[in-house]
Amino acid sequence: MTAQGMIRIFIGYDARETIAFHVLAHSFYRQASAPVSIAPLMLSELQGLFTRERNALQSTDFSFSRFLVPYLSGYEGWSLFCDCDMLALDDVANLWKLRDDRFAVQVVKHQHVPKETVKFLGEPQTKYEKKNWSSVILFNNAKCAALTPEYVNTATGLQLHQFKWLENDDLIGEIPHRWNHLVDYDPSLPPKELSLVHFTEGGPYFESFKNCGYAELWRSERERMLHAG
């Protein structure tokens, strides 16, 4: 936990995927065995701090703002960042226990080479080394001091997403693959073997992907979130 006794989570927010943010947050809250604090990375809340212009290859509003997490955390303690197009199937405290002070960040080290050139809503699908490593990041905030707002606003996309701001790759630790399972890319597994599924091509909240892998699990979580009475 942080010094405040909380598991601190930041989730990327894009207005086109508002429902995705809320369902993911609910799935974290519902299964957590320790206090959780969740904040959306909304550009409307980062005015004057996040100033870079939108890039043609940028598929979401939070493509680059995720790297402000250490700054927003005061470069203290640990924070977890997740893309919004995910669903938790496990207690996030189990991931939190994996923090290792030897590292500046911890990620799932995917070997992800997408075959398609476009993904949800016609957004470009780009290929680069360390693809999808930055979609789930455990930040050891004090060791990420290079991520100043000035750097995040001016660095190239590859510098950010390939962790070029670290002295070397030895500072990138690994977390189990079950904490960032790429839906319909990775081999399908029983839900009990997974902790966080990632609808990276497009989530079941989009008509074109309503029948994607684990779609029924997502819809069930949405119904739990909407329950009243």
Protein backbone atom coordinates (compact mmCIF):
# COMPACT_ATOMS: atom_id res chain seq x y z
CA MET A 1 0.00 0.00 0.00
CA THR A 2 0.97 3.63 -0.23
CA ALA A 3 1.83 5.67 2.85
CA GLN A 4 -1.86 6.65 2.90
CA GLY A 5 -2.86 2.98 3.14
CA MET A 6 -4.27 2.82 -0.38
CA ILE A 7 -3.61 0.83 -3.53
CA ARG A 8 -3.31 3.77 -5.91
CA ILE A 9 -4.65 3.13 -9.44
CA PHE A 10 -4.82 5.43 -12.46
CA ILE A 11 -6.97 4.34 -15.40
CA GLY A 12 -6.71 5.86 -18.86
CA TYR A 13 -9.86 7.75 -19.82
CA ASP A 14 -11.21 8.40 -23.30
CA ALA A 15 -14.74 9.79 -23.73
CA ARG A 16 -15.40 7.25 -26.47
CA GLU A 17 -14.87 4.46 -23.91
CA THR A 18 -16.52 5.96 -20.84
CA ILE A 19 -18.34 2.72 -20.05
CA ALA A 20 -15.06 0.81 -20.23
CA PHE A 21 -13.52 3.00 -17.51
CA HIS A 22 -16.44 2.53 -15.15
CA VAL A 23 -16.73 -1.23 -15.63
CA LEU A 24 -13.00 -1.73 -15.10
CA ALA A 25 -13.05 0.43 -11.96
CA HIS A 26 -16.03 -1.53 -10.65
CA SER A 27 -14.27 -4.83 -11.30
CA PHE A 28 -11.27 -3.62 -9.26
CA TYR A 29 -13.40 -2.33 -6.38
CA ARG A 30 -15.64 -5.40 -6.26
CA GLN A 31 -12.81 -7.89 -5.81
CA ALA A 32 -10.29 -5.86 -3.80
CA SER A 33 -9.32 -7.10 -0.35
CA ALA A 34 -7.53 -3.85 0.52
CA PRO A 35 -8.47 -0.16 0.15
CA VAL A 36 -8.28 1.05 -3.45
CA SER A 37 -8.14 4.61 -4.80
CA ILE A 38 -8.90 4.99 -8.51
CA ALA A 39 -8.40 8.14 -10.59
CA PRO A 40 -9.23 8.62 -14.28
CA LEU A 41 -6.57 10.22 -16.47
CA MET A 42 -8.93 12.75 -18.08
CA LEU A 43 -7.42 15.40 -20.34
CA SER A 44 -10.01 17.89 -19.08
CA GLU A 45 -8.40 17.55 -15.64
CA LEU A 46 -4.85 17.91 -16.97
CA GLN A 47 -5.21 21.29 -18.67
CA GLY A 48 -2.03 23.32 -18.34
CA LEU A 49 -0.12 20.19 -17.32
CA PHE A 50 -0.48 17.98 -20.38
CA THR A 51 0.03 20.27 -23.38
CA ARG A 52 1.26 18.14 -26.27
CA GLU A 53 -0.81 18.15 -29.45
CA ARG A 54 -2.58 14.99 -30.50
CA ASN A 55 -0.47 12.77 -32.73
CA ALA A 56 -1.91 11.13 -35.85
CA LEU A 57 -0.79 7.73 -34.51
CA GLN A 58 -2.37 8.33 -31.10
CA SER A 59 -5.33 5.96 -30.72
CA THR A 60 -6.59 7.14 -27.30
CA ASP A 61 -6.60 10.31 -25.20
CA PHE A 62 -4.30 8.65 -22.68
CA SER A 63 -1.64 7.35 -25.07
CA PHE A 64 0.93 9.69 -23.51
CA SER A 65 -0.72 11.12 -20.39
CA ARG A 66 -0.14 7.76 -18.63
CA PHE A 67 3.48 8.79 -18.18
CA LEU A 68 2.39 11.61 -15.87
CA VAL A 69 1.42 9.08 -13.20
CA PRO A 70 4.69 9.39 -11.20
CA TYR A 71 4.37 13.19 -11.24
CA LEU A 72 0.72 13.03 -10.19
CA SER A 73 1.80 10.71 -7.37
CA GLY A 74 4.38 13.21 -6.11
CA TYR A 75 7.14 10.76 -7.09
CA GLU A 76 6.33 8.86 -3.90
CA GLY A 77 5.35 5.27 -3.27
CA TRP A 78 3.93 3.06 -5.97
CA SER A 79 1.09 3.53 -8.47
CA LEU A 80 -0.61 1.26 -10.96
CA PHE A 81 -1.62 2.42 -14.43
CA CYS A 82 -4.03 0.47 -16.66
CA ASP A 83 -5.62 1.14 -20.02
CA CYS A 84 -9.40 1.40 -19.67
CA ASP A 85 -10.20 -1.43 -22.13
CA MET A 86 -9.67 -4.11 -19.52
CA LEU A 87 -11.55 -6.23 -17.01
CA ALA A 88 -10.20 -7.42 -13.65
CA LEU A 89 -10.90 -11.05 -12.81
CA ASP A 90 -8.81 -11.10 -9.65
CA ASP A 91 -8.05 -9.16 -6.47
CA VAL A 92 -5.71 -6.28 -7.41
CA ALA A 93 -4.02 -6.70 -4.02
CA ASN A 94 -2.43 -9.83 -5.49
CA LEU A 95 -0.73 -7.69 -8.12
CA TRP A 96 0.19 -5.03 -5.56
CA LYS A 97 2.09 -7.67 -3.55
CA LEU A 98 4.44 -8.18 -6.51
CA ARG A 99 6.05 -4.72 -6.21
CA ASP A 100 9.84 -5.02 -6.19
CA ASP A 101 11.97 -2.03 -5.19
CA ARG A 102 14.80 -3.18 -7.46
CA PHE A 103 12.81 -1.91 -10.43
CA ALA A 104 11.52 1.44 -11.66
CA VAL A 105 8.58 -0.16 -13.44
CA GLN A 106 7.08 -3.62 -13.70
CA VAL A 107 5.14 -4.77 -16.76
CA VAL A 108 4.03 -7.81 -18.70
CA LYS A 109 6.74 -8.21 -21.34
CA HIS A 110 4.62 -9.07 -24.35
CA GLN A 111 5.90 -10.28 -27.70
CA HIS A 112 3.03 -8.57 -29.49
CA VAL A 113 3.22 -8.06 -33.27
CA PRO A 114 -0.29 -7.13 -34.48
CA LYS A 115 -1.26 -8.22 -37.98
CA GLU A 116 -4.02 -5.66 -38.52
CA THR A 117 -3.37 -2.03 -39.44
CA VAL A 118 -6.49 -0.55 -37.79
CA LYS A 119 -8.30 -1.27 -34.54
CA PHE A 120 -11.41 0.08 -32.78
CA LEU A 121 -13.19 3.06 -34.39
CA GLY A 122 -10.74 2.96 -37.30
CA GLU A 123 -7.80 4.04 -35.15
CA PRO A 124 -4.32 3.13 -36.46
CA GLN A 125 -2.64 0.01 -35.14
CA THR A 126 1.08 0.67 -34.84
CA LYS A 127 3.91 -1.84 -34.48
CA TYR A 128 6.96 -1.20 -32.34
CA GLU A 129 9.30 -2.93 -29.92
CA LYS A 130 7.78 -3.43 -26.44
CA LYS A 131 4.27 -3.13 -27.87
CA ASN A 132 1.65 -3.19 -25.07
CA TRP A 133 4.23 -3.21 -22.27
CA SER A 134 2.93 0.21 -21.21
CA SER A 135 -0.74 -0.80 -21.05
CA VAL A 136 -0.28 -2.04 -17.48
CA ILE A 137 2.53 -0.43 -15.48
CA LEU A 138 3.46 -0.69 -11.84
CA PHE A 139 5.36 2.57 -11.28
CA ASN A 140 7.97 2.80 -8.53
CA ASN A 141 7.45 6.55 -8.57
CA ALA A 142 10.68 7.74 -6.96
CA LYS A 143 12.68 5.89 -9.62
CA CYS A 144 10.69 7.55 -12.42
CA ALA A 145 11.81 11.13 -11.75
CA ALA A 146 12.80 11.51 -15.43
CA LEU A 147 9.08 11.64 -16.24
CA THR A 148 8.61 15.35 -15.66
CA PRO A 149 5.69 17.11 -17.36
CA GLU A 150 8.23 18.80 -19.64
CA TYR A 151 9.62 15.45 -20.75
CA VAL A 152 6.22 13.83 -21.19
CA ASN A 153 5.06 16.77 -23.31
CA THR A 154 8.09 16.72 -25.64
CA ALA A 155 9.44 13.16 -25.85
CA THR A 156 8.59 11.02 -28.85
CA GLY A 157 6.04 8.27 -28.55
CA LEU A 158 8.73 5.61 -28.88
CA GLN A 159 10.89 7.24 -26.21
CA LEU A 160 7.97 7.03 -23.83
CA HIS A 161 6.49 3.64 -24.67
CA GLN A 162 9.86 1.92 -25.05
CA PHE A 163 10.98 3.24 -21.66
CA LYS A 164 13.94 5.13 -23.14
CA TRP A 165 13.72 7.47 -20.14
CA LEU A 166 15.21 4.73 -17.96
CA GLU A 167 18.98 4.26 -17.78
CA ASN A 168 18.67 0.67 -18.97
CA ASP A 169 16.21 -2.16 -19.41
CA ASP A 170 17.42 -3.80 -16.21
CA LEU A 171 15.13 -1.35 -14.40
CA ILE A 172 12.09 -2.93 -16.11
CA GLY A 173 10.77 -5.75 -13.97
CA GLU A 174 8.26 -8.36 -15.04
CA ILE A 175 4.85 -9.31 -13.76
CA PRO A 176 2.97 -12.51 -14.68
CA HIS A 177 1.26 -12.59 -18.04
CA ARG A 178 -2.09 -13.22 -16.37
CA TRP A 179 -2.13 -9.50 -15.42
CA ASN A 180 -2.35 -8.31 -19.05
CA HIS A 181 -3.90 -11.04 -21.18
CA LEU A 182 -4.42 -9.78 -24.75
CA VAL A 183 -7.88 -10.90 -25.77
CA ASP A 184 -8.04 -12.74 -29.12
CA TYR A 185 -4.25 -12.45 -29.51
CA ASP A 186 -3.09 -14.67 -26.68
CA PRO A 187 -4.36 -18.25 -26.51
CA SER A 188 -7.77 -18.42 -24.80
CA LEU A 189 -7.56 -19.60 -21.21
CA PRO A 190 -10.15 -20.35 -18.52
CA PRO A 191 -11.02 -17.19 -16.57
CA LYS A 192 -9.67 -18.71 -13.34
CA GLU A 193 -6.19 -18.66 -14.92
CA LEU A 194 -6.41 -14.94 -15.73
CA SER A 195 -6.33 -11.81 -13.58
CA LEU A 196 -6.71 -8.89 -16.00
CA VAL A 197 -7.98 -9.27 -19.58
CA HIS A 198 -7.19 -6.59 -22.14
CA PHE A 199 -9.54 -5.92 -25.06
CA THR A 200 -6.71 -4.28 -26.97
CA GLU A 201 -8.26 -4.51 -30.45
CA GLY A 202 -11.70 -3.36 -29.30
CA GLY A 203 -13.97 -4.07 -26.36
CA PRO A 204 -17.45 -5.66 -26.29
CA TYR A 205 -18.96 -2.20 -25.72
CA PHE A 206 -18.31 -1.56 -29.45
CA GLU A 207 -20.77 -3.18 -31.87
CA SER A 208 -17.96 -4.53 -34.04
CA PHE A 209 -16.43 -6.40 -31.09
CA LYS A 210 -19.53 -7.47 -29.17
CA ASN A 211 -18.62 -11.13 -29.63
CA CYS A 212 -14.93 -10.87 -28.77
CA GLY A 213 -13.34 -13.19 -26.23
CA TYR A 214 -14.56 -12.83 -22.62
CA ALA A 215 -17.34 -10.48 -23.80
CA GLU A 216 -19.92 -12.17 -21.57
CA LEU A 217 -17.71 -11.66 -18.52
CA TRP A 218 -17.53 -7.95 -19.33
CA ARG A 219 -21.30 -7.69 -19.79
CA SER A 220 -21.86 -9.51 -16.50
CA GLU A 221 -19.62 -7.01 -14.73
CA ARG A 222 -21.50 -4.14 -16.33
CA GLU A 223 -24.77 -5.55 -15.00
CA ARG A 224 -23.29 -5.83 -11.50
CA MET A 225 -22.21 -2.20 -11.73
CA LEU A 226 -25.71 -1.08 -12.76
CA HIS A 227 -27.48 -3.02 -10.01
CA ALA A 228 -29.66 -1.10 -7.60
CA GLY A 229 -32.10 -2.25 -4.97
